[in-house]
Amino acid sequence: MAIDYSHQRPVPGSESHTMPHPHDDGDEDGRSDSDMSEGIVELSADEIPEYFQERGGRLFHSHGSCPYPLPVDAEEQQRQNGLHQLLRRLLGGELAVGPVREVLAALPGEQRRVLDLGTGTGSWVLDMAREYPDVRFYGVDIVPIATRYPPRNVLFEMHDIKEQFRYDTGAIDMVHARSVTMAIRDYGALLPEIARVLRRGGLFVSCEWGRRPAMADGSDVAARAPRALAFFDAIRSTLLERRGIQTVADRIPQLLADSGKFTHIVARTYHMPIGDWPDNPEMRELGREYREMVELYARSMRAVLLDGRWAAHADDLVQGYIDEIWSVPGLVSICHTVYARRG
């Protein structure tokens, strides 16, 4: 069962006790039918700390069944928020790939709904909610780190995405999943449930970063940036050995096809520069800012390395990667995007 931890902040001058509750969907959507197959339990403010644990000076989720390995503290939230803005710039100002505007276009008597999986700080949901004020947004995550005072068309909930969603079949117009592959062990098993809650013709959008560096000119990264490659090789092996997390970013289009539930599958990769080496001024600034996010990522990933057979070399691996992102021109991160329609 999902847990609602958001509360509406009273509007100045209004009677807060008469404000509709954020999960009274029937009233807010102007419809008598609900998109929920079951209710949600509200989490009080004093209960929120129970969902975290401290290890090695960093804060992590305390949900034992979820394999997600990264911290969820202020430093990691800074990285998530910064990366969100940089990715939007990389995508040409868009918040997601695909025919989003078409799918969310208003129709008389219809309430459009969007579900964001692994919402994290909620940055994507909040920006989308501003662009589509008449659309209802749901952001779910294993920990309550998004704002507890979202706009009226947003509801943040705690939910483990490997479990069944509370939404009725065909209730959702768009499902968005970004950077969720470290939160689940079997991505393919997630797709039937996504398909279930999507209406026919609804949109699924995925965005995942590859777990291997590359060179913009296609040259051998092992020769140009061996310490960066060693860092990611250690990360991939540790995630698989200790948590059962596979590298699937480039295989999601095939998984969608194999599920038999999606059509019009369109995949595209984007290259994010790491550092200020590009000639193009806009990309140079993007790469400079992204490098700061990469360094935060490397330091967060130290916790992953300490959990496996690379523990004795964790600091050297992290520092080696950081040294090369500051000294090797041409390094890029590959962002794998794909969108598909519910068949």
Protein backbone atom coordinates (compact mmCIF):
# COMPACT_ATOMS: atom_id res chain seq x y z
CA MET A 1 0.00 0.00 0.00
CA ALA A 2 1.28 3.47 -0.89
CA ILE A 3 1.83 6.12 1.77
CA ASP A 4 0.93 9.76 1.24
CA TYR A 5 3.39 12.04 2.99
CA SER A 6 2.48 15.34 1.33
CA HIS A 7 0.27 17.98 2.86
CA GLN A 8 -1.26 21.00 1.22
CA ARG A 9 0.13 24.27 2.55
CA PRO A 10 -2.80 26.59 3.37
CA VAL A 11 -3.28 29.44 0.92
CA PRO A 12 -2.89 32.79 2.73
CA GLY A 13 -6.27 34.17 3.66
CA SER A 14 -8.08 30.89 3.01
CA GLU A 15 -9.79 28.52 5.40
CA SER A 16 -7.32 25.65 5.44
CA HIS A 17 -9.75 23.22 7.06
CA THR A 18 -12.07 23.44 4.03
CA MET A 19 -9.33 22.75 1.47
CA PRO A 20 -9.81 19.43 -0.35
CA HIS A 21 -7.40 16.72 0.73
CA PRO A 22 -4.68 16.10 -1.87
CA HIS A 23 -5.80 12.54 -2.56
CA ASP A 24 -9.52 13.28 -2.91
CA ASP A 25 -9.24 12.56 -6.63
CA GLY A 26 -12.92 12.34 -7.35
CA ASP A 27 -13.54 15.90 -6.17
CA GLU A 28 -10.38 17.53 -7.50
CA ASP A 29 -10.60 15.91 -10.91
CA GLY A 30 -14.23 16.80 -11.33
CA ARG A 31 -15.10 13.14 -11.90
CA SER A 32 -17.05 10.66 -9.86
CA ASP A 33 -14.76 7.79 -10.82
CA SER A 34 -11.45 7.33 -9.05
CA ASP A 35 -8.10 6.22 -10.46
CA MET A 36 -7.26 4.37 -7.25
CA SER A 37 -7.92 0.71 -6.60
CA GLU A 38 -7.19 1.14 -2.90
CA GLY A 39 -6.67 3.90 -0.37
CA ILE A 40 -3.41 5.31 0.88
CA VAL A 41 -2.18 5.77 4.42
CA GLU A 42 -1.05 9.23 5.46
CA LEU A 43 2.40 9.52 7.03
CA SER A 44 2.82 12.09 9.77
CA ALA A 45 5.85 14.37 9.95
CA ASP A 46 7.29 12.70 13.03
CA GLU A 47 7.23 9.30 11.30
CA ILE A 48 9.38 10.37 8.33
CA PRO A 49 12.79 9.87 10.09
CA GLU A 50 11.92 6.19 10.55
CA TYR A 51 12.47 5.60 6.83
CA PHE A 52 16.19 6.49 6.86
CA GLN A 53 19.41 5.11 8.30
CA GLU A 54 22.88 6.62 8.68
CA ARG A 55 26.01 4.78 7.52
CA GLY A 56 29.50 6.20 7.27
CA GLY A 57 28.29 9.77 7.60
CA ARG A 58 25.72 9.43 4.75
CA LEU A 59 21.95 8.95 4.92
CA PHE A 60 20.33 5.97 3.16
CA HIS A 61 16.84 4.52 2.82
CA SER A 62 15.99 1.82 5.36
CA HIS A 63 13.66 -0.26 3.16
CA GLY A 64 15.32 -3.66 3.25
CA SER A 65 13.73 -5.08 0.09
CA CYS A 66 14.76 -2.23 -2.21
CA PRO A 67 18.27 -2.63 -3.72
CA TYR A 68 18.76 1.10 -4.40
CA PRO A 69 22.33 1.74 -3.15
CA LEU A 70 22.89 5.50 -3.27
CA PRO A 71 22.51 7.92 -0.35
CA VAL A 72 19.40 10.07 -0.08
CA ASP A 73 20.91 12.93 1.92
CA ALA A 74 21.27 16.62 1.08
CA GLU A 75 24.39 16.13 -1.04
CA GLU A 76 22.72 13.46 -3.18
CA GLN A 77 19.56 15.54 -3.47
CA GLN A 78 21.70 18.43 -4.71
CA ARG A 79 23.08 16.11 -7.39
CA GLN A 80 19.62 14.91 -8.42
CA ASN A 81 18.26 18.44 -8.71
CA GLY A 82 21.30 19.67 -10.62
CA LEU A 83 21.25 16.71 -12.97
CA HIS A 84 17.57 17.27 -13.67
CA GLN A 85 18.23 20.80 -14.90
CA LEU A 86 21.26 19.76 -16.97
CA LEU A 87 19.38 16.91 -18.60
CA ARG A 88 16.58 19.25 -19.56
CA ARG A 89 19.12 21.45 -21.33
CA LEU A 90 20.62 18.42 -23.06
CA LEU A 91 17.13 17.51 -24.32
CA GLY A 92 16.73 20.95 -25.86
CA GLY A 93 14.60 22.36 -23.06
CA GLU A 94 12.16 19.46 -23.00
CA LEU A 95 11.25 17.57 -19.83
CA ALA A 96 10.77 14.27 -21.65
CA VAL A 97 11.14 12.74 -25.08
CA GLY A 98 8.19 11.67 -27.19
CA PRO A 99 4.67 12.97 -27.97
CA VAL A 100 4.02 14.24 -24.46
CA ARG A 101 1.91 17.23 -25.46
CA GLU A 102 -0.29 15.08 -27.67
CA VAL A 103 -0.88 12.49 -24.95
CA LEU A 104 -1.62 15.10 -22.27
CA ALA A 105 -3.80 17.33 -24.44
CA ALA A 106 -6.98 18.33 -22.62
CA LEU A 107 -10.24 16.70 -23.60
CA PRO A 108 -13.70 17.68 -22.25
CA GLY A 109 -14.70 15.48 -19.34
CA GLU A 110 -11.31 13.77 -19.12
CA GLN A 111 -8.70 14.16 -16.38
CA ARG A 112 -5.18 13.50 -17.64
CA ARG A 113 -2.91 11.68 -15.19
CA VAL A 114 0.85 11.11 -15.09
CA LEU A 115 2.80 8.71 -12.88
CA ASP A 116 6.51 9.35 -12.17
CA LEU A 117 8.43 6.31 -10.92
CA GLY A 118 11.37 6.84 -8.58
CA THR A 119 10.51 10.50 -8.32
CA GLY A 120 13.35 11.31 -5.87
CA THR A 121 13.25 15.01 -5.01
CA GLY A 122 10.26 15.45 -7.33
CA SER A 123 12.01 17.96 -9.61
CA TRP A 124 10.60 16.47 -12.80
CA VAL A 125 7.05 16.27 -11.43
CA LEU A 126 7.11 19.84 -10.14
CA ASP A 127 8.36 21.25 -13.45
CA MET A 128 5.81 19.21 -15.39
CA ALA A 129 3.03 20.31 -13.05
CA ARG A 130 3.84 23.94 -13.86
CA GLU A 131 3.73 23.26 -17.60
CA TYR A 132 0.53 21.21 -17.38
CA PRO A 133 -1.52 22.75 -14.56
CA ASP A 134 -4.66 20.81 -15.53
CA VAL A 135 -2.92 17.43 -15.42
CA ARG A 136 -2.85 15.35 -12.22
CA PHE A 137 0.67 14.12 -11.29
CA TYR A 138 1.68 11.29 -8.97
CA GLY A 139 5.30 10.88 -7.90
CA VAL A 140 6.29 7.67 -6.10
CA ASP A 141 9.54 6.77 -4.37
CA ILE A 142 10.83 4.48 -1.65
CA VAL A 143 11.75 7.45 0.57
CA PRO A 144 9.89 10.72 1.31
CA ILE A 145 12.45 13.28 0.10
CA ALA A 146 10.21 15.34 -2.20
CA THR A 147 8.54 18.46 -0.85
CA ARG A 148 5.72 17.94 1.62
CA TYR A 149 3.98 21.03 0.19
CA PRO A 150 3.43 20.26 -3.52
CA PRO A 151 1.09 22.21 -5.81
CA ARG A 152 -2.54 21.15 -5.86
CA ASN A 153 -2.18 18.98 -8.97
CA VAL A 154 0.66 16.90 -7.45
CA LEU A 155 0.64 14.04 -4.94
CA PHE A 156 3.87 12.48 -3.69
CA GLU A 157 3.69 8.99 -2.25
CA MET A 158 5.99 6.34 -0.79
CA HIS A 159 5.90 3.15 -2.80
CA ASP A 160 8.29 0.36 -3.79
CA ILE A 161 8.03 0.24 -7.58
CA LYS A 162 8.60 -3.50 -7.75
CA GLU A 163 5.21 -3.94 -6.07
CA GLN A 164 1.80 -3.53 -7.70
CA PHE A 165 0.64 0.08 -8.14
CA ARG A 166 -2.56 1.19 -6.44
CA TYR A 167 -4.00 2.70 -9.64
CA ASP A 168 -6.83 1.13 -11.59
CA THR A 169 -6.22 -0.53 -14.93
CA GLY A 170 -6.03 2.04 -17.73
CA ALA A 171 -6.16 5.00 -15.30
CA ILE A 172 -2.86 6.65 -16.29
CA ASP A 173 -2.09 8.57 -19.48
CA MET A 174 1.71 8.68 -19.13
CA VAL A 175 4.27 6.81 -17.03
CA HIS A 176 7.71 8.37 -16.68
CA ALA A 177 10.69 6.38 -15.37
CA ARG A 178 14.06 8.10 -15.05
CA SER A 179 17.12 6.61 -13.35
CA VAL A 180 15.18 3.72 -11.81
CA THR A 181 17.36 0.79 -12.91
CA MET A 182 19.24 0.76 -9.59
CA ALA A 183 15.95 0.45 -7.69
CA ILE A 184 14.81 -2.81 -9.30
CA ARG A 185 16.47 -6.13 -10.07
CA ASP A 186 14.23 -7.16 -12.96
CA TYR A 187 13.28 -4.29 -15.27
CA GLY A 188 11.33 -6.58 -17.57
CA ALA A 189 9.06 -7.62 -14.70
CA LEU A 190 8.12 -3.96 -14.15
CA LEU A 191 6.78 -3.47 -17.68
CA PRO A 192 3.53 -5.51 -17.43
CA GLU A 193 2.47 -3.44 -14.40
CA ILE A 194 3.29 -0.21 -16.23
CA ALA A 195 1.24 -1.47 -19.15
CA ARG A 196 -1.64 -2.36 -16.85
CA VAL A 197 -2.09 1.14 -15.44
CA LEU A 198 -1.61 2.87 -18.81
CA ARG A 199 -4.64 3.49 -20.98
CA ARG A 200 -4.47 2.16 -24.53
CA GLY A 201 -2.37 4.58 -26.52
CA GLY A 202 -0.85 5.93 -23.30
CA LEU A 203 2.80 6.88 -23.23
CA PHE A 204 5.73 5.28 -21.44
CA VAL A 205 8.96 7.30 -21.28
CA SER A 206 12.27 5.97 -20.00
CA CYS A 207 15.55 7.80 -19.42
CA GLU A 208 18.62 6.01 -18.04
CA TRP A 209 22.33 6.81 -17.86
CA GLY A 210 24.71 4.17 -19.13
CA ARG A 211 27.12 2.73 -16.56
CA ARG A 212 30.19 3.04 -18.73
CA PRO A 213 32.09 6.14 -19.90
CA ALA A 214 32.71 6.81 -23.59
CA MET A 215 34.81 9.09 -25.77
CA ALA A 216 33.02 11.62 -27.94
CA ASP A 217 35.21 10.77 -30.94
CA GLY A 218 34.62 7.03 -30.58
CA SER A 219 38.20 6.29 -29.52
CA ASP A 220 39.06 3.55 -27.02
CA VAL A 221 38.11 4.70 -23.53
CA ALA A 222 40.34 2.01 -22.01
CA ALA A 223 43.36 3.71 -23.57
CA ARG A 224 42.28 7.30 -22.97
CA ALA A 225 40.66 7.03 -19.52
CA PRO A 226 41.60 3.68 -17.93
CA ARG A 227 40.88 4.81 -14.36
CA ALA A 228 37.39 5.97 -15.30
CA LEU A 229 36.77 2.59 -16.92
CA ALA A 230 38.12 0.77 -13.86
CA PHE A 231 35.75 2.77 -11.61
CA PHE A 232 32.68 1.78 -13.64
CA ASP A 233 33.77 -1.83 -14.04
CA ALA A 234 34.00 -2.08 -10.25
CA ILE A 235 30.62 -0.39 -9.85
CA ARG A 236 28.88 -2.70 -12.31
CA SER A 237 30.34 -5.86 -10.81
CA THR A 238 29.53 -4.78 -7.25
CA LEU A 239 25.94 -3.86 -8.09
CA LEU A 240 25.43 -7.24 -9.74
CA GLU A 241 27.22 -9.35 -7.13
CA ARG A 242 25.94 -7.63 -4.00
CA ARG A 243 22.50 -6.36 -5.02
CA GLY A 244 21.49 -8.25 -8.15
CA ILE A 245 21.25 -5.02 -10.15
CA GLN A 246 21.92 -5.48 -13.86
CA THR A 247 23.01 -2.93 -16.46
CA VAL A 248 19.99 -2.58 -18.75
CA ALA A 249 19.90 1.04 -19.97
CA ASP A 250 20.66 0.10 -23.58
CA ARG A 251 18.36 -2.96 -23.51
CA ILE A 252 15.12 -1.27 -22.50
CA PRO A 253 13.82 -0.92 -26.10
CA GLN A 254 14.21 -4.69 -26.56
CA LEU A 255 12.59 -5.40 -23.20
CA LEU A 256 9.62 -3.27 -24.25
CA ALA A 257 9.34 -5.19 -27.51
CA ASP A 258 9.69 -8.54 -25.74
CA SER A 259 6.85 -7.67 -23.35
CA GLY A 260 4.40 -7.65 -26.23
CA LYS A 261 2.48 -4.78 -24.63
CA PHE A 262 3.98 -1.72 -26.32
CA THR A 263 4.09 -0.35 -29.85
CA HIS A 264 5.82 2.52 -31.67
CA ILE A 265 9.02 2.04 -29.67
CA VAL A 266 11.50 4.86 -30.38
CA ALA A 267 14.99 4.94 -28.85
CA ARG A 268 17.62 7.66 -28.95
CA THR A 269 20.90 8.33 -27.14
CA TYR A 270 22.27 11.69 -26.05
CA HIS A 271 25.91 12.42 -25.23
CA MET A 272 26.54 14.64 -22.21
CA PRO A 273 30.05 16.14 -22.19
CA ILE A 274 32.07 15.77 -19.00
CA GLY A 275 34.21 18.88 -18.61
CA ASP A 276 34.81 22.08 -20.53
CA TRP A 277 36.42 20.55 -23.63
CA PRO A 278 33.64 21.14 -26.25
CA ASP A 279 34.17 23.98 -28.75
CA ASN A 280 30.50 24.95 -28.65
CA PRO A 281 30.08 27.51 -25.82
CA GLU A 282 26.69 26.14 -24.72
CA MET A 283 27.94 22.56 -24.60
CA ARG A 284 31.13 23.69 -22.88
CA GLU A 285 29.11 25.31 -20.08
CA LEU A 286 26.88 22.25 -19.89
CA GLY A 287 29.92 19.97 -19.60
CA ARG A 288 31.51 22.16 -16.95
CA GLU A 289 28.41 22.02 -14.77
CA TYR A 290 27.83 18.34 -15.43
CA ARG A 291 31.35 17.51 -14.30
CA GLU A 292 30.43 18.83 -10.85
CA MET A 293 27.45 16.45 -10.77
CA VAL A 294 29.70 13.58 -11.87
CA GLU A 295 32.07 14.26 -9.01
CA LEU A 296 29.17 14.16 -6.54
CA TYR A 297 28.05 10.89 -8.16
CA ALA A 298 31.51 9.37 -7.76
CA ARG A 299 31.60 10.27 -4.08
CA SER A 300 28.11 8.83 -3.54
CA MET A 301 29.14 5.63 -5.33
CA ARG A 302 31.92 5.12 -2.80
CA ALA A 303 29.27 3.59 -0.54
CA VAL A 304 28.55 0.99 -3.25
CA LEU A 305 32.21 0.04 -3.59
CA LEU A 306 32.63 -0.30 0.17
CA ASP A 307 29.94 -2.99 0.09
CA GLY A 308 31.84 -5.42 -2.15
CA ARG A 309 35.16 -6.96 -3.08
CA TRP A 310 36.53 -3.59 -4.17
CA ALA A 311 36.22 -2.10 -0.68
CA ALA A 312 39.97 -1.88 -0.08
CA HIS A 313 40.38 0.06 -3.33
CA ALA A 314 37.24 2.21 -3.08
CA ASP A 315 38.99 5.52 -2.40
CA ASP A 316 41.57 4.96 -5.15
CA LEU A 317 38.86 4.05 -7.67
CA VAL A 318 36.78 7.13 -6.81
CA GLN A 319 39.76 9.47 -6.91
CA GLY A 320 41.03 7.96 -10.15
CA TYR A 321 37.72 8.66 -11.86
CA ILE A 322 37.59 12.21 -10.48
CA ASP A 323 41.16 12.86 -11.63
CA GLU A 324 40.33 11.80 -15.19
CA ILE A 325 37.12 13.79 -15.55
CA TRP A 326 39.26 16.85 -14.79
CA SER A 327 42.18 15.92 -17.03
CA VAL A 328 40.91 13.85 -20.00
CA PRO A 329 39.13 15.84 -22.73
CA GLY A 330 36.42 14.16 -24.76
CA LEU A 331 34.78 12.09 -22.03
CA VAL A 332 30.99 11.78 -22.29
CA SER A 333 28.17 10.10 -20.42
CA ILE A 334 25.56 8.39 -22.57
CA CYS A 335 21.90 8.99 -21.80
CA HIS A 336 19.58 6.30 -23.19
CA THR A 337 16.01 7.45 -23.85
CA VAL A 338 13.07 5.52 -25.20
CA TYR A 339 9.36 6.11 -25.51
CA ALA A 340 6.56 3.75 -26.50
CA ARG A 341 2.79 3.56 -26.71
CA ARG A 342 0.63 1.14 -24.81
CA GLY A 343 -0.72 -1.32 -27.33
